Every structure is written in C-alpha cells, then in structure tokens.
Amino acid sequence: MEYFKRKLLLADSDGVFREKLAAAMRQRGYATCEAANAKQAVALALQHNFDAALVDLMTPEGNGVSLIRRLRELLPAARLVVLTGYGSIASAMSAVRCGANDYLTKPLGVERVEAAVRGMEIAEDDESYAVPSLDRVEWEHLQRVLVDCRRNISRAARTLGIDRRTLQRKLAKVPYVQ
C-alpha cells in the first residue's frame, strides 16, 4: 500500500486530452488535480503543494508562459513541464527561461510525460519515442483546430474543408493514449 502519492497539477484547455492524461497518471500512482485554464491552475496551486505541474503552452487567456512564471513563484520546488502542440525553439527557450524544467510536444506517450515529471531522460530508441499512428496525429490536429475555432464544430469543419458530420465521427474515435 502506497502512503505517499506524488501530487500533480495538470493544466490543459483540451478537456479530452486532459482527462485521458489525468486518468493515465492516476493509474501510475499520481494524485492529480485538473485545471482548464490559467486562473483555475493558479487557484489550485494556492491550495495545494504540488510536486509537479504539466502546463499547456496555449491557454484560452493567451500565453502559457505567464502561467509558468506564476506557478514557479507559487511552487518553487515543483517540476514544471510544458506540453504543447505548437512546439518551436523560441517557445521552448521562453518557457525554460520562465521556469519550466522540461518541454514536450504533443502527441506524446505517457511514458515520456512521467519521465519528464520525474526528471528522467529517455533514450531516443525507447518505445515512447515511436512515431505516433496516423489516426493519433489526425485526431490531435482535429482537436487543435476545434480549440482554435472555439469548439464550434461547424466552423472547424469549414476550416478543415470537411463535412460537419465527418468531423464529429472522427472526433468520436479517440485513439489510445499509451
């Protein structure tokens, strides 16, 4: 029986991704709290002393870098890991300068997330670095476009150039998060 669980804050505006990742981390023994935006994340950080935080770089309020800066003030000993679907060298450097310990790009496996939370390195030949399936990459892209369109299915379908019902069917097929 485990008496101590590592406390993990998961701040990501994508509800489906956040819930699936939180469930996967709970299965690995983490006590997780979820936040859909920066305001919720800060409120939770004021209430709890988290061992680590997973923070999406793109937040509904704007830039996640300011959230990283605030979380670093509130949780000086915590590992702060950035998760983003829009990875770039400039945003990685900015996140690290503001206090992030690690920077991961989506899609990714839970093994990589847990390794980053623990501060461990994973060899590039490890399975968690395997190329994601085409279904997984497509689903992540559809989710990002949907978020960019403020969760408006019709607008997202027009942006993608596909029928609304086709988009709904594709979104309903959630690929497995390992």
C-alpha atoms as a PDB file:
ATOM      1  CA  MET A   1       0.000   0.000   0.000  1.00  0.00           C
ATOM      2  CA  GLU A   2       1.354   3.378  -1.006  1.00  0.00           C
ATOM      3  CA  TYR A   3       1.083   6.032   1.703  1.00  0.00           C
ATOM      4  CA  PHE A   4       2.525   8.891  -0.323  1.00  0.00           C
ATOM      5  CA  LYS A   5       1.394   9.820  -3.790  1.00  0.00           C
ATOM      6  CA  ARG A   6       3.109  12.487  -5.820  1.00  0.00           C
ATOM      7  CA  LYS A   7       0.734  15.413  -6.364  1.00  0.00           C
ATOM      8  CA  LEU A   8       0.377  16.517  -9.965  1.00  0.00           C
ATOM      9  CA  LEU A   9      -1.324  19.602 -11.409  1.00  0.00           C
ATOM     10  CA  LEU A  10      -2.498  19.169 -14.997  1.00  0.00           C
ATOM     11  CA  ALA A  11      -3.392  22.448 -16.734  1.00  0.00           C
ATOM     12  CA  ASP A  12      -4.601  21.984 -20.306  1.00  0.00           C
ATOM     13  CA  SER A  13      -7.527  23.618 -22.124  1.00  0.00           C
ATOM     14  CA  ASP A  14      -8.224  20.460 -24.165  1.00  0.00           C
ATOM     15  CA  GLY A  15     -10.666  18.639 -21.884  1.00  0.00           C
ATOM     16  CA  VAL A  16     -10.477  15.250 -23.602  1.00  0.00           C
ATOM     17  CA  PHE A  17      -6.669  15.210 -23.613  1.00  0.00           C
ATOM     18  CA  ARG A  18      -6.529  16.487 -20.010  1.00  0.00           C
ATOM     19  CA  GLU A  19      -8.950  13.827 -18.723  1.00  0.00           C
ATOM     20  CA  LYS A  20      -7.213  10.961 -20.546  1.00  0.00           C
ATOM     21  CA  LEU A  21      -3.767  12.057 -19.366  1.00  0.00           C
ATOM     22  CA  ALA A  22      -5.009  12.552 -15.796  1.00  0.00           C
ATOM     23  CA  ALA A  23      -6.509   9.048 -15.788  1.00  0.00           C
ATOM     24  CA  ALA A  24      -3.262   7.566 -17.144  1.00  0.00           C
ATOM     25  CA  MET A  25      -1.204   9.392 -14.498  1.00  0.00           C
ATOM     26  CA  ARG A  26      -3.574   8.255 -11.720  1.00  0.00           C
ATOM     27  CA  GLN A  27      -3.035   4.659 -12.900  1.00  0.00           C
ATOM     28  CA  ARG A  28       0.679   5.292 -12.416  1.00  0.00           C
ATOM     29  CA  GLY A  29       0.150   6.379  -8.807  1.00  0.00           C
ATOM     30  CA  TYR A  30      -0.164  10.161  -9.068  1.00  0.00           C
ATOM     31  CA  ALA A  31      -2.779  12.224  -7.251  1.00  0.00           C
ATOM     32  CA  THR A  32      -3.933  14.604  -9.978  1.00  0.00           C
ATOM     33  CA  CYS A  33      -5.828  17.889  -9.979  1.00  0.00           C
ATOM     34  CA  GLU A  34      -7.046  19.281 -13.290  1.00  0.00           C
ATOM     35  CA  ALA A  35      -7.363  22.868 -14.459  1.00  0.00           C
ATOM     36  CA  ALA A  36      -8.968  24.001 -17.728  1.00  0.00           C
ATOM     37  CA  ASN A  37      -7.351  27.439 -17.691  1.00  0.00           C
ATOM     38  CA  ALA A  38      -4.656  29.562 -16.043  1.00  0.00           C
ATOM     39  CA  LYS A  39      -6.994  31.003 -13.414  1.00  0.00           C
ATOM     40  CA  GLN A  40      -8.000  27.527 -12.203  1.00  0.00           C
ATOM     41  CA  ALA A  41      -4.369  26.385 -12.226  1.00  0.00           C
ATOM     42  CA  VAL A  42      -3.255  29.298 -10.042  1.00  0.00           C
ATOM     43  CA  ALA A  43      -6.181  28.732  -7.641  1.00  0.00           C
ATOM     44  CA  LEU A  44      -5.214  25.066  -7.268  1.00  0.00           C
ATOM     45  CA  ALA A  45      -1.532  25.959  -6.791  1.00  0.00           C
ATOM     46  CA  LEU A  46      -2.533  28.312  -3.966  1.00  0.00           C
ATOM     47  CA  GLN A  47      -4.455  25.468  -2.268  1.00  0.00           C
ATOM     48  CA  HIS A  48      -2.037  22.556  -2.775  1.00  0.00           C
ATOM     49  CA  ASN A  49       1.690  21.966  -2.700  1.00  0.00           C
ATOM     50  CA  PHE A  50       2.200  20.080  -5.973  1.00  0.00           C
ATOM     51  CA  ASP A  51       5.297  18.030  -6.707  1.00  0.00           C
ATOM     52  CA  ALA A  52       4.910  18.697 -10.435  1.00  0.00           C
ATOM     53  CA  ALA A  53       2.756  20.554 -12.937  1.00  0.00           C
ATOM     54  CA  LEU A  54       2.004  19.797 -16.582  1.00  0.00           C
ATOM     55  CA  VAL A  55       1.140  23.036 -18.356  1.00  0.00           C
ATOM     56  CA  ASP A  56      -0.206  23.547 -21.874  1.00  0.00           C
ATOM     57  CA  LEU A  57       1.588  26.400 -23.581  1.00  0.00           C
ATOM     58  CA  MET A  58      -1.579  27.566 -25.358  1.00  0.00           C
ATOM     59  CA  THR A  59      -4.215  28.760 -22.889  1.00  0.00           C
ATOM     60  CA  PRO A  60      -7.618  30.341 -23.572  1.00  0.00           C
ATOM     61  CA  GLU A  61      -6.429  33.524 -21.840  1.00  0.00           C
ATOM     62  CA  GLY A  62      -3.353  33.812 -24.020  1.00  0.00           C
ATOM     63  CA  ASN A  63       0.201  32.697 -23.430  1.00  0.00           C
ATOM     64  CA  GLY A  64       1.018  29.849 -21.044  1.00  0.00           C
ATOM     65  CA  VAL A  65       4.460  31.330 -20.377  1.00  0.00           C
ATOM     66  CA  SER A  66       2.941  33.775 -17.876  1.00  0.00           C
ATOM     67  CA  LEU A  67       1.286  30.801 -16.138  1.00  0.00           C
ATOM     68  CA  ILE A  68       4.652  29.053 -15.913  1.00  0.00           C
ATOM     69  CA  ARG A  69       6.175  32.157 -14.361  1.00  0.00           C
ATOM     70  CA  ARG A  70       3.337  32.358 -11.771  1.00  0.00           C
ATOM     71  CA  LEU A  71       3.495  28.638 -10.965  1.00  0.00           C
ATOM     72  CA  ARG A  72       7.262  28.880 -10.468  1.00  0.00           C
ATOM     73  CA  GLU A  73       6.609  31.592  -7.846  1.00  0.00           C
ATOM     74  CA  LEU A  74       3.934  29.520  -6.093  1.00  0.00           C
ATOM     75  CA  LEU A  75       5.631  26.118  -6.418  1.00  0.00           C
ATOM     76  CA  PRO A  76       9.393  26.771  -6.284  1.00  0.00           C
ATOM     77  CA  ALA A  77      10.323  23.112  -5.701  1.00  0.00           C
ATOM     78  CA  ALA A  78       7.921  21.593  -8.253  1.00  0.00           C
ATOM     79  CA  ARG A  79       8.927  20.228 -11.641  1.00  0.00           C
ATOM     80  CA  LEU A  80       7.179  22.281 -14.311  1.00  0.00           C
ATOM     81  CA  VAL A  81       6.708  20.503 -17.627  1.00  0.00           C
ATOM     82  CA  VAL A  82       5.332  22.268 -20.689  1.00  0.00           C
ATOM     83  CA  LEU A  83       3.106  20.334 -23.093  1.00  0.00           C
ATOM     84  CA  THR A  84       2.374  21.908 -26.453  1.00  0.00           C
ATOM     85  CA  GLY A  85       1.018  21.043 -29.848  1.00  0.00           C
ATOM     86  CA  TYR A  86       2.864  24.040 -31.313  1.00  0.00           C
ATOM     87  CA  GLY A  87       6.483  23.335 -30.478  1.00  0.00           C
ATOM     88  CA  SER A  88       9.226  25.711 -31.536  1.00  0.00           C
ATOM     89  CA  ILE A  89      12.726  26.517 -30.390  1.00  0.00           C
ATOM     90  CA  ALA A  90      11.700  30.063 -29.465  1.00  0.00           C
ATOM     91  CA  SER A  91       8.765  28.949 -27.298  1.00  0.00           C
ATOM     92  CA  ALA A  92      10.903  26.248 -25.660  1.00  0.00           C
ATOM     93  CA  MET A  93      13.575  28.790 -24.764  1.00  0.00           C
ATOM     94  CA  SER A  94      10.979  31.205 -23.444  1.00  0.00           C
ATOM     95  CA  ALA A  95       9.333  28.519 -21.306  1.00  0.00           C
ATOM     96  CA  VAL A  96      12.652  27.393 -19.824  1.00  0.00           C
ATOM     97  CA  ARG A  97      13.674  30.996 -19.084  1.00  0.00           C
ATOM     98  CA  CYS A  98      10.415  31.455 -17.160  1.00  0.00           C
ATOM     99  CA  GLY A  99      10.992  28.381 -15.018  1.00  0.00           C
ATOM    100  CA  ALA A 100       9.955  25.268 -16.948  1.00  0.00           C
ATOM    101  CA  ASN A 101      12.082  22.204 -16.276  1.00  0.00           C
ATOM    102  CA  ASP A 102      11.083  20.371 -19.433  1.00  0.00           C
ATOM    103  CA  TYR A 103       9.299  20.982 -22.748  1.00  0.00           C
ATOM    104  CA  LEU A 104       7.386  18.263 -24.600  1.00  0.00           C
ATOM    105  CA  THR A 105       5.498  18.415 -27.875  1.00  0.00           C
ATOM    106  CA  LYS A 106       2.214  16.616 -28.493  1.00  0.00           C
ATOM    107  CA  PRO A 107       1.353  13.951 -29.446  1.00  0.00           C
ATOM    108  CA  LEU A 108       3.316  12.013 -26.851  1.00  0.00           C
ATOM    109  CA  GLY A 109       3.110   8.890 -24.738  1.00  0.00           C
ATOM    110  CA  VAL A 110       2.506   8.756 -21.028  1.00  0.00           C
ATOM    111  CA  GLU A 111       5.972   7.244 -20.506  1.00  0.00           C
ATOM    112  CA  ARG A 112       7.568  10.459 -21.793  1.00  0.00           C
ATOM    113  CA  VAL A 113       5.301  12.572 -19.585  1.00  0.00           C
ATOM    114  CA  GLU A 114       6.104  10.539 -16.485  1.00  0.00           C
ATOM    115  CA  ALA A 115       9.837  10.612 -17.250  1.00  0.00           C
ATOM    116  CA  ALA A 116       9.694  14.412 -17.541  1.00  0.00           C
ATOM    117  CA  VAL A 117       7.723  14.691 -14.279  1.00  0.00           C
ATOM    118  CA  ARG A 118      10.358  12.557 -12.536  1.00  0.00           C
ATOM    119  CA  GLY A 119      13.235  14.430 -14.199  1.00  0.00           C
ATOM    120  CA  MET A 120      14.490  11.354 -16.022  1.00  0.00           C
ATOM    121  CA  GLU A 121      15.925  11.048 -19.510  1.00  0.00           C
ATOM    122  CA  ILE A 122      14.510   8.596 -22.054  1.00  0.00           C
ATOM    123  CA  ALA A 123      16.727   7.213 -24.772  1.00  0.00           C
ATOM    124  CA  GLU A 124      15.571   8.093 -28.276  1.00  0.00           C
ATOM    125  CA  ASP A 125      15.319   4.408 -29.187  1.00  0.00           C
ATOM    126  CA  ASP A 126      12.758   3.931 -26.386  1.00  0.00           C
ATOM    127  CA  GLU A 127       9.225   2.948 -27.480  1.00  0.00           C
ATOM    128  CA  SER A 128       7.780   6.214 -26.166  1.00  0.00           C
ATOM    129  CA  TYR A 129       9.656   7.995 -28.962  1.00  0.00           C
ATOM    130  CA  ALA A 130       7.968   5.818 -31.569  1.00  0.00           C
ATOM    131  CA  VAL A 131       6.231   7.640 -34.377  1.00  0.00           C
ATOM    132  CA  PRO A 132       2.571   8.136 -33.414  1.00  0.00           C
ATOM    133  CA  SER A 133      -0.079   6.459 -35.526  1.00  0.00           C
ATOM    134  CA  LEU A 134      -1.662   8.414 -38.351  1.00  0.00           C
ATOM    135  CA  ASP A 135      -5.005   8.199 -36.505  1.00  0.00           C
ATOM    136  CA  ARG A 136      -3.398   9.758 -33.421  1.00  0.00           C
ATOM    137  CA  VAL A 137      -1.797  12.614 -35.381  1.00  0.00           C
ATOM    138  CA  GLU A 138      -5.052  13.295 -37.259  1.00  0.00           C
ATOM    139  CA  TRP A 139      -7.085  13.300 -34.032  1.00  0.00           C
ATOM    140  CA  GLU A 140      -4.641  15.711 -32.336  1.00  0.00           C
ATOM    141  CA  HIS A 141      -4.807  18.036 -35.356  1.00  0.00           C
ATOM    142  CA  LEU A 142      -8.620  17.962 -35.381  1.00  0.00           C
ATOM    143  CA  GLN A 143      -8.670  18.727 -31.649  1.00  0.00           C
ATOM    144  CA  ARG A 144      -6.319  21.706 -32.106  1.00  0.00           C
ATOM    145  CA  VAL A 145      -8.392  23.133 -34.981  1.00  0.00           C
ATOM    146  CA  LEU A 146     -11.543  22.662 -32.893  1.00  0.00           C
ATOM    147  CA  VAL A 147      -9.970  24.569 -29.984  1.00  0.00           C
ATOM    148  CA  ASP A 148      -8.803  27.300 -32.384  1.00  0.00           C
ATOM    149  CA  CYS A 149     -12.413  27.571 -33.607  1.00  0.00           C
ATOM    150  CA  ARG A 150     -13.634  27.923 -30.009  1.00  0.00           C
ATOM    151  CA  ARG A 151     -15.157  24.407 -30.030  1.00  0.00           C
ATOM    152  CA  ASN A 152     -17.548  25.367 -32.863  1.00  0.00           C
ATOM    153  CA  ILE A 153     -17.907  22.140 -34.883  1.00  0.00           C
ATOM    154  CA  SER A 154     -19.379  23.827 -37.982  1.00  0.00           C
ATOM    155  CA  ARG A 155     -16.626  26.439 -38.108  1.00  0.00           C
ATOM    156  CA  ALA A 156     -13.924  23.819 -37.554  1.00  0.00           C
ATOM    157  CA  ALA A 157     -15.378  21.647 -40.329  1.00  0.00           C
ATOM    158  CA  ARG A 158     -15.354  24.618 -42.728  1.00  0.00           C
ATOM    159  CA  THR A 159     -11.752  25.411 -41.745  1.00  0.00           C
ATOM    160  CA  LEU A 160     -10.737  21.805 -42.404  1.00  0.00           C
ATOM    161  CA  GLY A 161     -12.773  21.594 -45.628  1.00  0.00           C
ATOM    162  CA  ILE A 162     -14.795  18.571 -44.487  1.00  0.00           C
ATOM    163  CA  ASP A 163     -18.431  17.884 -43.636  1.00  0.00           C
ATOM    164  CA  ARG A 164     -19.526  18.621 -40.065  1.00  0.00           C
ATOM    165  CA  ARG A 165     -20.779  15.060 -39.528  1.00  0.00           C
ATOM    166  CA  THR A 166     -17.490  13.633 -40.780  1.00  0.00           C
ATOM    167  CA  LEU A 167     -15.626  15.794 -38.278  1.00  0.00           C
ATOM    168  CA  GLN A 168     -17.909  14.621 -35.465  1.00  0.00           C
ATOM    169  CA  ARG A 169     -17.302  10.966 -36.372  1.00  0.00           C
ATOM    170  CA  LYS A 170     -13.538  11.460 -36.490  1.00  0.00           C
ATOM    171  CA  LEU A 171     -13.531  13.246 -33.135  1.00  0.00           C
ATOM    172  CA  ALA A 172     -15.562  10.445 -31.547  1.00  0.00           C
ATOM    173  CA  LYS A 173     -12.817   7.930 -32.398  1.00  0.00           C
ATOM    174  CA  VAL A 174     -10.322   8.754 -29.644  1.00  0.00           C
ATOM    175  CA  PRO A 175      -7.018   6.971 -30.271  1.00  0.00           C
ATOM    176  CA  TYR A 176      -5.499   5.122 -27.327  1.00  0.00           C
ATOM    177  CA  VAL A 177      -3.054   7.094 -25.161  1.00  0.00           C
ATOM    178  CA  GLN A 178      -0.322   4.661 -24.113  1.00  0.00           C
END
